[in-house]
Amino acid sequence: MVFLANFGFESKEVVLKILIGTYYAKLDGHGRVLIPKGLRDQLKDIENRGFVLRRATFFDNLELHPRDEWEKWMEQLLRIPKTSRDKVKLISLINAGARLVSLDGNGRLQLPKDLIRQLGMNKEVVIASEGNILQIWDKDRYEKFWEENKDEFPELMEKLLDNTADDDRQQ
């Protein structure tokens, strides 16, 4: 899928890898999670560059960004003038706790112990697609999030996707 990224700057063509699915997995005693095969198959053509793992912005979970996607996002942010105090603050907050990670030869991802502890992750985790990135949740927190928000799903679809459809028709 080709997406023209425009964050108030010149548009730049970005080829997005859309990831699909929600997967249940287990953390081992060393903080490693075996990425399920269906998801590993989707990551084959992007895993060689690695990933950036960070705390999510809005919820108590982790985000796993393909490194190429992360770098494109950072390039956009770095175009904000260097004199912007808010830019420095935003980039510092985005990068706080971010780590370069990769899958090992067995298809496992090492989650940092401090992030596991901060997010209260237990043995069972959920790995869910958020389009071009992955969310990694403690299973109980994910299920609670779903239960608390599932009734909003139709409203969010109408609110956000109807606007997108209007934008596509106008172009």
C-alpha atoms as a PDB file:
ATOM      1  CA  MET A   1       0.000   0.000   0.000  1.00  0.00           C
ATOM      2  CA  VAL A   2       1.326   3.431  -0.870  1.00  0.00           C
ATOM      3  CA  PHE A   3       0.558   6.282   1.492  1.00  0.00           C
ATOM      4  CA  LEU A   4       1.503   9.899   1.027  1.00  0.00           C
ATOM      5  CA  ALA A   5       2.686  11.055   4.407  1.00  0.00           C
ATOM      6  CA  ASN A   6       1.916  14.702   4.915  1.00  0.00           C
ATOM      7  CA  PHE A   7       2.383  16.040   8.415  1.00  0.00           C
ATOM      8  CA  GLY A   8       2.287  19.679   7.353  1.00  0.00           C
ATOM      9  CA  PHE A   9       5.433  19.213   5.295  1.00  0.00           C
ATOM     10  CA  GLU A  10       6.134  18.232   1.722  1.00  0.00           C
ATOM     11  CA  SER A  11       4.515  14.913   0.873  1.00  0.00           C
ATOM     12  CA  LYS A  12       6.792  11.911   0.775  1.00  0.00           C
ATOM     13  CA  GLU A  13       5.849   8.553  -0.659  1.00  0.00           C
ATOM     14  CA  VAL A  14       6.016   5.868   2.013  1.00  0.00           C
ATOM     15  CA  VAL A  15       5.382   2.205   1.294  1.00  0.00           C
ATOM     16  CA  LEU A  16       3.560   0.791   4.307  1.00  0.00           C
ATOM     17  CA  LYS A  17       3.591  -2.840   5.337  1.00  0.00           C
ATOM     18  CA  ILE A  18       0.091  -3.485   6.657  1.00  0.00           C
ATOM     19  CA  LEU A  19       0.082  -6.118   9.377  1.00  0.00           C
ATOM     20  CA  ILE A  20      -3.045  -8.154  10.058  1.00  0.00           C
ATOM     21  CA  GLY A  21      -4.402  -9.999  13.058  1.00  0.00           C
ATOM     22  CA  THR A  22      -4.524 -10.455  16.805  1.00  0.00           C
ATOM     23  CA  TYR A  23      -2.361 -13.188  18.304  1.00  0.00           C
ATOM     24  CA  TYR A  24      -2.010 -14.685  21.764  1.00  0.00           C
ATOM     25  CA  ALA A  25       1.460 -15.607  22.990  1.00  0.00           C
ATOM     26  CA  LYS A  26       3.378 -16.330  26.179  1.00  0.00           C
ATOM     27  CA  LEU A  27       6.331 -14.614  27.822  1.00  0.00           C
ATOM     28  CA  ASP A  28       9.034 -17.011  28.948  1.00  0.00           C
ATOM     29  CA  GLY A  29      11.009 -16.567  32.175  1.00  0.00           C
ATOM     30  CA  HIS A  30      13.560 -14.394  30.353  1.00  0.00           C
ATOM     31  CA  GLY A  31      11.007 -11.909  28.986  1.00  0.00           C
ATOM     32  CA  ARG A  32      11.003 -13.358  25.488  1.00  0.00           C
ATOM     33  CA  VAL A  33       7.828 -13.780  23.484  1.00  0.00           C
ATOM     34  CA  LEU A  34       7.617 -16.251  20.613  1.00  0.00           C
ATOM     35  CA  ILE A  35       6.049 -14.416  17.690  1.00  0.00           C
ATOM     36  CA  PRO A  36       3.259 -16.644  16.297  1.00  0.00           C
ATOM     37  CA  LYS A  37       3.944 -18.115  12.854  1.00  0.00           C
ATOM     38  CA  GLY A  38       1.106 -16.268  11.120  1.00  0.00           C
ATOM     39  CA  LEU A  39       2.622 -12.989  12.224  1.00  0.00           C
ATOM     40  CA  ARG A  40       6.238 -14.035  11.604  1.00  0.00           C
ATOM     41  CA  ASP A  41       5.283 -14.815   8.006  1.00  0.00           C
ATOM     42  CA  GLN A  42       4.055 -11.217   7.614  1.00  0.00           C
ATOM     43  CA  LEU A  43       7.280  -9.838   9.080  1.00  0.00           C
ATOM     44  CA  LYS A  44       9.677 -11.825   6.844  1.00  0.00           C
ATOM     45  CA  ASP A  45      10.387  -9.054   4.366  1.00  0.00           C
ATOM     46  CA  ILE A  46      10.880  -6.340   7.011  1.00  0.00           C
ATOM     47  CA  GLU A  47      12.498  -8.094   9.985  1.00  0.00           C
ATOM     48  CA  ASN A  48      16.046  -7.863   8.600  1.00  0.00           C
ATOM     49  CA  ARG A  49      16.233  -4.125   9.520  1.00  0.00           C
ATOM     50  CA  GLY A  50      14.890  -4.716  13.011  1.00  0.00           C
ATOM     51  CA  PHE A  51      12.250  -2.896  15.000  1.00  0.00           C
ATOM     52  CA  VAL A  52      11.821  -0.103  17.500  1.00  0.00           C
ATOM     53  CA  LEU A  53       9.964  -1.045  20.678  1.00  0.00           C
ATOM     54  CA  ARG A  54       8.447   1.734  22.785  1.00  0.00           C
ATOM     55  CA  ARG A  55       5.703   2.432  25.301  1.00  0.00           C
ATOM     56  CA  ALA A  56       2.483   3.371  23.583  1.00  0.00           C
ATOM     57  CA  THR A  57       1.266   6.949  23.690  1.00  0.00           C
ATOM     58  CA  PHE A  58      -2.371   6.428  24.633  1.00  0.00           C
ATOM     59  CA  PHE A  59      -2.673   3.067  26.414  1.00  0.00           C
ATOM     60  CA  ASP A  60      -0.694   0.772  28.733  1.00  0.00           C
ATOM     61  CA  ASN A  61       0.911  -1.381  26.080  1.00  0.00           C
ATOM     62  CA  LEU A  62       4.000  -1.516  23.894  1.00  0.00           C
ATOM     63  CA  GLU A  63       4.311  -0.556  20.230  1.00  0.00           C
ATOM     64  CA  LEU A  64       6.583  -2.458  17.860  1.00  0.00           C
ATOM     65  CA  HIS A  65       7.510  -0.311  14.858  1.00  0.00           C
ATOM     66  CA  PRO A  66       9.351  -1.689  11.825  1.00  0.00           C
ATOM     67  CA  ARG A  67      12.594   0.275  11.814  1.00  0.00           C
ATOM     68  CA  ASP A  68      12.037   1.698   8.312  1.00  0.00           C
ATOM     69  CA  GLU A  69       8.633   3.042   9.360  1.00  0.00           C
ATOM     70  CA  TRP A  70      10.140   4.525  12.532  1.00  0.00           C
ATOM     71  CA  GLU A  71      12.886   6.290  10.600  1.00  0.00           C
ATOM     72  CA  LYS A  72      10.377   7.795   8.157  1.00  0.00           C
ATOM     73  CA  TRP A  73       8.310   9.064  11.079  1.00  0.00           C
ATOM     74  CA  MET A  74      11.393  10.566  12.743  1.00  0.00           C
ATOM     75  CA  GLU A  75      12.412  12.227   9.451  1.00  0.00           C
ATOM     76  CA  GLN A  76       9.040  13.981   9.396  1.00  0.00           C
ATOM     77  CA  LEU A  77       9.403  15.151  12.981  1.00  0.00           C
ATOM     78  CA  LEU A  78      12.967  16.335  12.458  1.00  0.00           C
ATOM     79  CA  ARG A  79      11.758  18.753   9.773  1.00  0.00           C
ATOM     80  CA  ILE A  80      10.157  20.873  12.483  1.00  0.00           C
ATOM     81  CA  PRO A  81      12.467  23.860  13.099  1.00  0.00           C
ATOM     82  CA  LYS A  82      15.229  23.179  15.629  1.00  0.00           C
ATOM     83  CA  THR A  83      14.178  26.259  17.561  1.00  0.00           C
ATOM     84  CA  SER A  84      10.927  24.608  18.617  1.00  0.00           C
ATOM     85  CA  ARG A  85      10.917  23.706  22.319  1.00  0.00           C
ATOM     86  CA  ASP A  86       7.824  21.573  21.724  1.00  0.00           C
ATOM     87  CA  LYS A  87       9.664  19.604  19.028  1.00  0.00           C
ATOM     88  CA  VAL A  88      12.479  18.738  21.413  1.00  0.00           C
ATOM     89  CA  LYS A  89       9.991  17.763  24.121  1.00  0.00           C
ATOM     90  CA  LEU A  90       7.899  15.635  21.732  1.00  0.00           C
ATOM     91  CA  ILE A  91      10.879  13.763  20.279  1.00  0.00           C
ATOM     92  CA  SER A  92      12.278  13.203  23.785  1.00  0.00           C
ATOM     93  CA  LEU A  93       8.964  11.762  24.967  1.00  0.00           C
ATOM     94  CA  ILE A  94       8.565   9.574  21.873  1.00  0.00           C
ATOM     95  CA  ASN A  95      12.049   8.162  22.324  1.00  0.00           C
ATOM     96  CA  ALA A  96      11.880   7.742  26.118  1.00  0.00           C
ATOM     97  CA  GLY A  97      12.473   4.066  26.725  1.00  0.00           C
ATOM     98  CA  ALA A  98      12.518   3.220  23.006  1.00  0.00           C
ATOM     99  CA  ARG A  99      14.794   0.316  22.107  1.00  0.00           C
ATOM    100  CA  LEU A 100      16.131  -1.237  18.930  1.00  0.00           C
ATOM    101  CA  VAL A 101      15.098  -4.895  18.948  1.00  0.00           C
ATOM    102  CA  SER A 102      15.087  -7.830  16.562  1.00  0.00           C
ATOM    103  CA  LEU A 103      13.740 -11.351  16.422  1.00  0.00           C
ATOM    104  CA  ASP A 104      16.224 -14.028  17.427  1.00  0.00           C
ATOM    105  CA  GLY A 105      16.853 -17.137  15.311  1.00  0.00           C
ATOM    106  CA  ASN A 106      13.870 -18.859  16.942  1.00  0.00           C
ATOM    107  CA  GLY A 107      11.429 -16.044  16.142  1.00  0.00           C
ATOM    108  CA  ARG A 108      11.403 -14.641  19.681  1.00  0.00           C
ATOM    109  CA  LEU A 109      11.327 -10.991  20.678  1.00  0.00           C
ATOM    110  CA  GLN A 110      13.083  -9.929  23.882  1.00  0.00           C
ATOM    111  CA  LEU A 111      10.947  -7.509  25.888  1.00  0.00           C
ATOM    112  CA  PRO A 112      12.939  -5.335  28.308  1.00  0.00           C
ATOM    113  CA  LYS A 113      12.326  -6.289  31.930  1.00  0.00           C
ATOM    114  CA  ASP A 114      11.734  -2.683  32.998  1.00  0.00           C
ATOM    115  CA  LEU A 115       8.943  -2.274  30.433  1.00  0.00           C
ATOM    116  CA  ILE A 116       7.424  -5.644  31.385  1.00  0.00           C
ATOM    117  CA  ARG A 117       7.385  -4.483  35.013  1.00  0.00           C
ATOM    118  CA  GLN A 118       6.073  -0.957  34.260  1.00  0.00           C
ATOM    119  CA  LEU A 119       3.184  -2.348  32.196  1.00  0.00           C
ATOM    120  CA  GLY A 120       2.376  -5.186  34.587  1.00  0.00           C
ATOM    121  CA  MET A 121       2.809  -7.837  31.910  1.00  0.00           C
ATOM    122  CA  ASN A 122       2.301 -11.392  33.058  1.00  0.00           C
ATOM    123  CA  LYS A 123       2.953 -14.657  31.232  1.00  0.00           C
ATOM    124  CA  GLU A 124       0.233 -14.189  28.620  1.00  0.00           C
ATOM    125  CA  VAL A 125       0.372 -11.372  26.073  1.00  0.00           C
ATOM    126  CA  VAL A 126      -1.635 -10.270  23.069  1.00  0.00           C
ATOM    127  CA  ILE A 127       0.032  -9.000  19.915  1.00  0.00           C
ATOM    128  CA  ALA A 128      -2.442  -6.935  17.897  1.00  0.00           C
ATOM    129  CA  SER A 129      -2.079  -5.141  14.597  1.00  0.00           C
ATOM    130  CA  GLU A 130      -2.450  -1.385  14.492  1.00  0.00           C
ATOM    131  CA  GLY A 131      -1.991  -1.178  10.736  1.00  0.00           C
ATOM    132  CA  ASN A 132       1.727  -0.742  10.119  1.00  0.00           C
ATOM    133  CA  ILE A 133       2.815  -1.346  13.721  1.00  0.00           C
ATOM    134  CA  LEU A 134       2.074  -3.949  16.378  1.00  0.00           C
ATOM    135  CA  GLN A 135       0.706  -3.465  19.856  1.00  0.00           C
ATOM    136  CA  ILE A 136       1.900  -5.801  22.611  1.00  0.00           C
ATOM    137  CA  TRP A 137      -0.440  -6.003  25.595  1.00  0.00           C
ATOM    138  CA  ASP A 138      -0.711  -7.927  28.817  1.00  0.00           C
ATOM    139  CA  LYS A 139      -3.592 -10.317  28.014  1.00  0.00           C
ATOM    140  CA  ASP A 140      -5.790  -9.187  30.914  1.00  0.00           C
ATOM    141  CA  ARG A 141      -5.284  -5.489  30.082  1.00  0.00           C
ATOM    142  CA  TYR A 142      -6.066  -6.134  26.420  1.00  0.00           C
ATOM    143  CA  GLU A 143      -9.281  -7.966  27.250  1.00  0.00           C
ATOM    144  CA  LYS A 144     -10.275  -5.194  29.681  1.00  0.00           C
ATOM    145  CA  PHE A 145      -9.528  -2.567  27.005  1.00  0.00           C
ATOM    146  CA  TRP A 146     -11.698  -4.490  24.518  1.00  0.00           C
ATOM    147  CA  GLU A 147     -14.579  -4.893  26.979  1.00  0.00           C
ATOM    148  CA  GLU A 148     -14.481  -1.208  27.958  1.00  0.00           C
ATOM    149  CA  ASN A 149     -14.355   0.039  24.361  1.00  0.00           C
ATOM    150  CA  LYS A 150     -16.191  -2.477  22.164  1.00  0.00           C
ATOM    151  CA  ASP A 151     -19.500  -0.600  22.377  1.00  0.00           C
ATOM    152  CA  GLU A 152     -17.807   2.475  20.841  1.00  0.00           C
ATOM    153  CA  PHE A 153     -16.655   0.460  17.829  1.00  0.00           C
ATOM    154  CA  PRO A 154     -19.597   1.243  15.487  1.00  0.00           C
ATOM    155  CA  GLU A 155     -19.513   4.935  16.456  1.00  0.00           C
ATOM    156  CA  LEU A 156     -15.768   5.165  15.855  1.00  0.00           C
ATOM    157  CA  MET A 157     -16.166   3.467  12.462  1.00  0.00           C
ATOM    158  CA  GLU A 158     -18.779   6.018  11.424  1.00  0.00           C
ATOM    159  CA  LYS A 159     -16.951   8.993  12.879  1.00  0.00           C
ATOM    160  CA  LEU A 160     -13.490   8.246  11.533  1.00  0.00           C
ATOM    161  CA  LEU A 161     -14.065   6.181   8.408  1.00  0.00           C
ATOM    162  CA  ASP A 162     -16.955   8.201   7.013  1.00  0.00           C
ATOM    163  CA  ASN A 163     -14.675  11.258   7.091  1.00  0.00           C
ATOM    164  CA  THR A 164     -11.957   9.288   5.316  1.00  0.00           C
ATOM    165  CA  ALA A 165     -14.388   8.195   2.610  1.00  0.00           C
ATOM    166  CA  ASP A 166     -15.445  11.840   2.113  1.00  0.00           C
ATOM    167  CA  ASP A 167     -11.795  12.886   1.802  1.00  0.00           C
ATOM    168  CA  ASP A 168     -11.149  10.161  -0.791  1.00  0.00           C
ATOM    169  CA  ARG A 169     -14.157  11.275  -2.869  1.00  0.00           C
ATOM    170  CA  GLN A 170     -12.952  14.889  -2.880  1.00  0.00           C
ATOM    171  CA  GLN A 171      -9.515  14.006  -4.268  1.00  0.00           C
END
